[in-house]
Amino acid sequence: INIEKATMLYEEIDRNPLFKGTAVPEDRSVMNVCFVMSDEYKEFEQEFLKFATERGMVGIKGHRSIGGFRASIYNAMPKEGVQALIDCMREFEKLILR
């Protein structure tokens, strides 16, 4: 199930023009999914963090020196939690790209 959760989230990161992964596909973690705003949307990083936090996404702020986001999807994180983050990313995409 962890691979399934990671696959779901990476597929959204790869699909969504606002975001990009920080690791090449063959080196992607199944437990900690790291991503950033795409270069052309960098200015929305703090806005997305606030948007996501307001929707119950906690602990996704990336490393203080690198920025971006990190979704920890260990065993305790249900598939529904990953889907909630994906839904949040899609909602933010609609808001920014309308």
N, C-alpha and C. Protein backbone atom coordinates (compact mmCIF):
# COMPACT_ATOMS: atom_id res chain seq x y z
N ILE A 1 0.83 -1.21 0.00
CA ILE A 1 0.00 0.00 0.00
C ILE A 1 0.87 1.27 0.00
N ASN A 2 2.07 1.21 0.59
CA ASN A 2 2.93 2.39 0.59
C ASN A 2 3.36 2.76 -0.82
N ILE A 3 3.65 1.76 -1.63
CA ILE A 3 4.03 2.03 -3.02
C ILE A 3 2.84 2.64 -3.77
N GLU A 4 1.66 2.15 -3.49
CA GLU A 4 0.46 2.68 -4.13
C GLU A 4 0.24 4.15 -3.74
N LYS A 5 0.42 4.46 -2.46
CA LYS A 5 0.25 5.84 -1.99
C LYS A 5 1.29 6.75 -2.65
N ALA A 6 2.53 6.30 -2.68
CA ALA A 6 3.59 7.11 -3.29
C ALA A 6 3.33 7.31 -4.78
N THR A 7 2.90 6.27 -5.45
CA THR A 7 2.61 6.36 -6.89
C THR A 7 1.51 7.38 -7.15
N MET A 8 0.46 7.34 -6.33
CA MET A 8 -0.63 8.31 -6.48
C MET A 8 -0.11 9.74 -6.40
N LEU A 9 0.70 10.00 -5.39
CA LEU A 9 1.18 11.36 -5.15
C LEU A 9 2.18 11.79 -6.22
N TYR A 10 3.10 10.91 -6.59
CA TYR A 10 4.06 11.26 -7.64
C TYR A 10 3.35 11.49 -8.98
N GLU A 11 2.31 10.74 -9.26
CA GLU A 11 1.57 10.96 -10.50
C GLU A 11 0.95 12.36 -10.53
N GLU A 12 0.46 12.80 -9.38
CA GLU A 12 -0.11 14.15 -9.31
C GLU A 12 0.98 15.20 -9.45
N ILE A 13 2.10 15.01 -8.80
CA ILE A 13 3.22 15.96 -8.91
C ILE A 13 3.66 16.06 -10.37
N ASP A 14 3.77 14.93 -11.04
CA ASP A 14 4.20 14.92 -12.44
C ASP A 14 3.15 15.52 -13.37
N ARG A 15 1.88 15.37 -13.03
CA ARG A 15 0.80 15.88 -13.87
C ARG A 15 0.56 17.38 -13.68
N ASN A 16 0.67 17.83 -12.45
CA ASN A 16 0.28 19.19 -12.09
C ASN A 16 1.38 20.17 -12.47
N PRO A 17 1.09 21.15 -13.32
CA PRO A 17 2.13 22.08 -13.76
C PRO A 17 2.67 22.99 -12.65
N LEU A 18 1.98 23.08 -11.53
CA LEU A 18 2.44 23.94 -10.44
C LEU A 18 3.59 23.32 -9.65
N PHE A 19 3.74 22.01 -9.72
CA PHE A 19 4.70 21.30 -8.86
C PHE A 19 5.70 20.49 -9.67
N LYS A 20 6.83 20.21 -9.03
CA LYS A 20 7.80 19.28 -9.63
C LYS A 20 8.50 18.52 -8.51
N GLY A 21 8.84 17.29 -8.80
CA GLY A 21 9.55 16.47 -7.83
C GLY A 21 10.99 16.92 -7.70
N THR A 22 11.60 16.60 -6.57
CA THR A 22 12.99 16.99 -6.36
C THR A 22 13.97 15.85 -6.64
N ALA A 23 13.45 14.65 -6.82
CA ALA A 23 14.32 13.49 -7.10
C ALA A 23 13.95 12.90 -8.45
N VAL A 24 14.94 12.38 -9.13
CA VAL A 24 14.66 11.69 -10.39
C VAL A 24 13.82 10.45 -10.07
N PRO A 25 12.97 10.04 -10.99
CA PRO A 25 12.03 8.94 -10.69
C PRO A 25 12.67 7.69 -10.08
N GLU A 26 13.82 7.30 -10.54
CA GLU A 26 14.42 6.06 -10.00
C GLU A 26 14.94 6.22 -8.57
N ASP A 27 15.05 7.45 -8.09
CA ASP A 27 15.54 7.69 -6.73
C ASP A 27 14.46 8.19 -5.78
N ARG A 28 13.22 8.18 -6.21
CA ARG A 28 12.14 8.71 -5.38
C ARG A 28 11.86 7.81 -4.19
N SER A 29 11.62 8.45 -3.06
CA SER A 29 11.30 7.75 -1.83
C SER A 29 9.84 7.33 -1.81
N VAL A 30 9.58 6.19 -1.22
CA VAL A 30 8.21 5.72 -1.05
C VAL A 30 7.62 6.29 0.24
N MET A 31 8.46 6.71 1.16
CA MET A 31 7.99 7.17 2.46
C MET A 31 7.95 8.70 2.60
N ASN A 32 8.90 9.39 2.01
CA ASN A 32 8.95 10.85 2.08
C ASN A 32 8.97 11.41 0.67
N VAL A 33 7.85 11.97 0.27
CA VAL A 33 7.70 12.51 -1.08
C VAL A 33 8.04 14.00 -1.03
N CYS A 34 9.15 14.35 -1.66
CA CYS A 34 9.60 15.74 -1.67
C CYS A 34 9.28 16.39 -3.01
N PHE A 35 8.79 17.62 -2.93
CA PHE A 35 8.45 18.35 -4.15
C PHE A 35 8.51 19.84 -3.90
N VAL A 36 8.59 20.59 -4.97
CA VAL A 36 8.66 22.05 -4.91
C VAL A 36 7.67 22.63 -5.92
N MET A 37 7.51 23.93 -5.86
CA MET A 37 6.73 24.60 -6.89
C MET A 37 7.58 24.62 -8.16
N SER A 38 6.96 24.48 -9.31
CA SER A 38 7.68 24.61 -10.58
C SER A 38 8.27 26.01 -10.65
N ASP A 39 9.33 26.15 -11.41
CA ASP A 39 10.05 27.42 -11.47
C ASP A 39 9.13 28.61 -11.76
N GLU A 40 8.20 28.44 -12.68
CA GLU A 40 7.34 29.57 -13.05
C GLU A 40 6.28 29.89 -12.00
N TYR A 41 6.16 29.05 -10.97
CA TYR A 41 5.16 29.28 -9.91
C TYR A 41 5.80 29.38 -8.52
N LYS A 42 7.12 29.58 -8.47
CA LYS A 42 7.85 29.65 -7.20
C LYS A 42 7.23 30.65 -6.22
N GLU A 43 6.72 31.75 -6.75
CA GLU A 43 6.19 32.80 -5.87
C GLU A 43 4.95 32.35 -5.10
N PHE A 44 4.39 31.21 -5.46
CA PHE A 44 3.19 30.72 -4.78
C PHE A 44 3.49 29.70 -3.68
N GLU A 45 4.76 29.49 -3.36
CA GLU A 45 5.11 28.46 -2.38
C GLU A 45 4.47 28.71 -1.02
N GLN A 46 4.64 29.90 -0.48
CA GLN A 46 4.05 30.20 0.83
C GLN A 46 2.53 30.19 0.77
N GLU A 47 1.99 30.65 -0.33
CA GLU A 47 0.54 30.65 -0.49
C GLU A 47 -0.01 29.22 -0.51
N PHE A 48 0.70 28.31 -1.19
CA PHE A 48 0.24 26.92 -1.20
C PHE A 48 0.35 26.31 0.19
N LEU A 49 1.44 26.60 0.89
CA LEU A 49 1.61 26.07 2.24
C LEU A 49 0.45 26.51 3.13
N LYS A 50 0.10 27.78 3.06
CA LYS A 50 -1.02 28.31 3.85
C LYS A 50 -2.33 27.65 3.41
N PHE A 51 -2.54 27.56 2.11
CA PHE A 51 -3.74 26.95 1.54
C PHE A 51 -3.88 25.51 2.03
N ALA A 52 -2.79 24.76 1.96
CA ALA A 52 -2.82 23.35 2.37
C ALA A 52 -3.05 23.22 3.87
N THR A 53 -2.39 24.06 4.64
CA THR A 53 -2.53 24.02 6.10
C THR A 53 -3.98 24.31 6.50
N GLU A 54 -4.59 25.27 5.84
CA GLU A 54 -5.99 25.60 6.12
C GLU A 54 -6.93 24.44 5.80
N ARG A 55 -6.47 23.53 4.97
CA ARG A 55 -7.28 22.37 4.60
C ARG A 55 -6.85 21.11 5.34
N GLY A 56 -6.11 21.30 6.41
CA GLY A 56 -5.76 20.18 7.28
C GLY A 56 -4.48 19.45 6.94
N MET A 57 -3.73 19.93 5.97
CA MET A 57 -2.46 19.29 5.64
C MET A 57 -1.41 19.84 6.61
N VAL A 58 -0.90 18.99 7.46
CA VAL A 58 0.08 19.44 8.45
C VAL A 58 1.42 18.74 8.20
N GLY A 59 2.47 19.44 8.52
CA GLY A 59 3.80 18.85 8.42
C GLY A 59 4.33 18.67 7.02
N ILE A 60 3.83 19.45 6.05
CA ILE A 60 4.34 19.27 4.68
C ILE A 60 5.41 20.28 4.31
N LYS A 61 5.71 21.20 5.22
CA LYS A 61 6.75 22.19 4.91
C LYS A 61 8.08 21.47 4.76
N GLY A 62 8.79 21.80 3.71
CA GLY A 62 10.07 21.16 3.43
C GLY A 62 11.17 21.62 4.38
N HIS A 63 12.36 21.17 4.12
CA HIS A 63 13.52 21.51 4.94
C HIS A 63 13.76 23.01 4.93
N ARG A 64 14.13 23.55 6.07
CA ARG A 64 14.27 25.01 6.20
C ARG A 64 15.29 25.62 5.25
N SER A 65 16.31 24.86 4.86
CA SER A 65 17.32 25.44 3.97
C SER A 65 17.02 25.18 2.49
N ILE A 66 16.12 24.26 2.21
CA ILE A 66 15.80 23.91 0.83
C ILE A 66 14.44 24.45 0.41
N GLY A 67 13.51 24.45 1.35
CA GLY A 67 12.15 24.89 1.04
C GLY A 67 11.35 23.77 0.41
N GLY A 68 10.32 24.15 -0.28
CA GLY A 68 9.46 23.16 -0.90
C GLY A 68 8.62 22.42 0.12
N PHE A 69 8.30 21.19 -0.21
CA PHE A 69 7.36 20.42 0.60
C PHE A 69 7.83 18.98 0.75
N ARG A 70 7.43 18.37 1.85
CA ARG A 70 7.72 16.96 2.07
C ARG A 70 6.50 16.32 2.68
N ALA A 71 5.96 15.35 1.99
CA ALA A 71 4.82 14.59 2.50
C ALA A 71 5.33 13.25 3.01
N SER A 72 5.24 13.06 4.31
CA SER A 72 5.64 11.78 4.90
C SER A 72 4.44 10.85 4.87
N ILE A 73 4.57 9.77 4.14
CA ILE A 73 3.42 8.86 3.95
C ILE A 73 3.75 7.46 4.47
N TYR A 74 4.26 7.44 5.69
CA TYR A 74 4.57 6.17 6.35
C TYR A 74 3.31 5.33 6.54
N ASN A 75 3.47 4.17 7.10
CA ASN A 75 2.37 3.22 7.28
C ASN A 75 1.14 3.83 7.93
N ALA A 76 1.34 4.72 8.89
CA ALA A 76 0.21 5.29 9.63
C ALA A 76 -0.63 6.24 8.77
N MET A 77 -0.08 6.72 7.67
CA MET A 77 -0.83 7.64 6.79
C MET A 77 -1.76 6.82 5.90
N PRO A 78 -3.07 7.00 6.07
CA PRO A 78 -3.99 6.23 5.22
C PRO A 78 -4.00 6.76 3.79
N LYS A 79 -4.44 5.93 2.90
CA LYS A 79 -4.56 6.30 1.49
C LYS A 79 -5.43 7.54 1.34
N GLU A 80 -6.44 7.66 2.18
CA GLU A 80 -7.34 8.82 2.14
C GLU A 80 -6.60 10.11 2.45
N GLY A 81 -5.59 10.04 3.30
CA GLY A 81 -4.79 11.22 3.61
C GLY A 81 -3.98 11.68 2.41
N VAL A 82 -3.44 10.73 1.68
CA VAL A 82 -2.70 11.05 0.46
C VAL A 82 -3.66 11.65 -0.57
N GLN A 83 -4.83 11.06 -0.69
CA GLN A 83 -5.83 11.58 -1.63
C GLN A 83 -6.25 13.00 -1.24
N ALA A 84 -6.33 13.28 0.04
CA ALA A 84 -6.68 14.63 0.49
C ALA A 84 -5.63 15.65 0.04
N LEU A 85 -4.36 15.27 0.11
CA LEU A 85 -3.29 16.17 -0.36
C LEU A 85 -3.39 16.36 -1.87
N ILE A 86 -3.64 15.29 -2.59
CA ILE A 86 -3.80 15.39 -4.05
C ILE A 86 -4.97 16.31 -4.38
N ASP A 87 -6.08 16.14 -3.69
CA ASP A 87 -7.24 17.00 -3.92
C ASP A 87 -6.90 18.46 -3.64
N CYS A 88 -6.14 18.70 -2.60
CA CYS A 88 -5.71 20.04 -2.24
C CYS A 88 -4.83 20.64 -3.35
N MET A 89 -3.92 19.85 -3.87
CA MET A 89 -3.04 20.31 -4.95
C MET A 89 -3.86 20.66 -6.19
N ARG A 90 -4.86 19.86 -6.49
CA ARG A 90 -5.71 20.11 -7.66
C ARG A 90 -6.57 21.35 -7.46
N GLU A 91 -7.06 21.53 -6.25
CA GLU A 91 -7.87 22.71 -5.94
C GLU A 91 -7.02 23.98 -6.08
N PHE A 92 -5.79 23.92 -5.59
CA PHE A 92 -4.89 25.07 -5.70
C PHE A 92 -4.56 25.34 -7.17
N GLU A 93 -4.37 24.29 -7.93
CA GLU A 93 -4.10 24.44 -9.37
C GLU A 93 -5.24 25.20 -10.05
N LYS A 94 -6.47 24.82 -9.75
CA LYS A 94 -7.63 25.50 -10.35
C LYS A 94 -7.68 26.96 -9.95
N LEU A 95 -7.33 27.25 -8.71
CA LEU A 95 -7.33 28.62 -8.21
C LEU A 95 -6.28 29.47 -8.93
N ILE A 96 -5.11 28.93 -9.13
CA ILE A 96 -4.00 29.68 -9.73
C ILE A 96 -4.12 29.77 -11.25
N LEU A 97 -4.56 28.71 -11.88
CA LEU A 97 -4.58 28.66 -13.35
C LEU A 97 -5.91 29.02 -13.98
N ARG A 98 -6.83 29.53 -13.21
CA ARG A 98 -8.15 29.84 -13.78
C ARG A 98 -8.10 30.96 -14.78
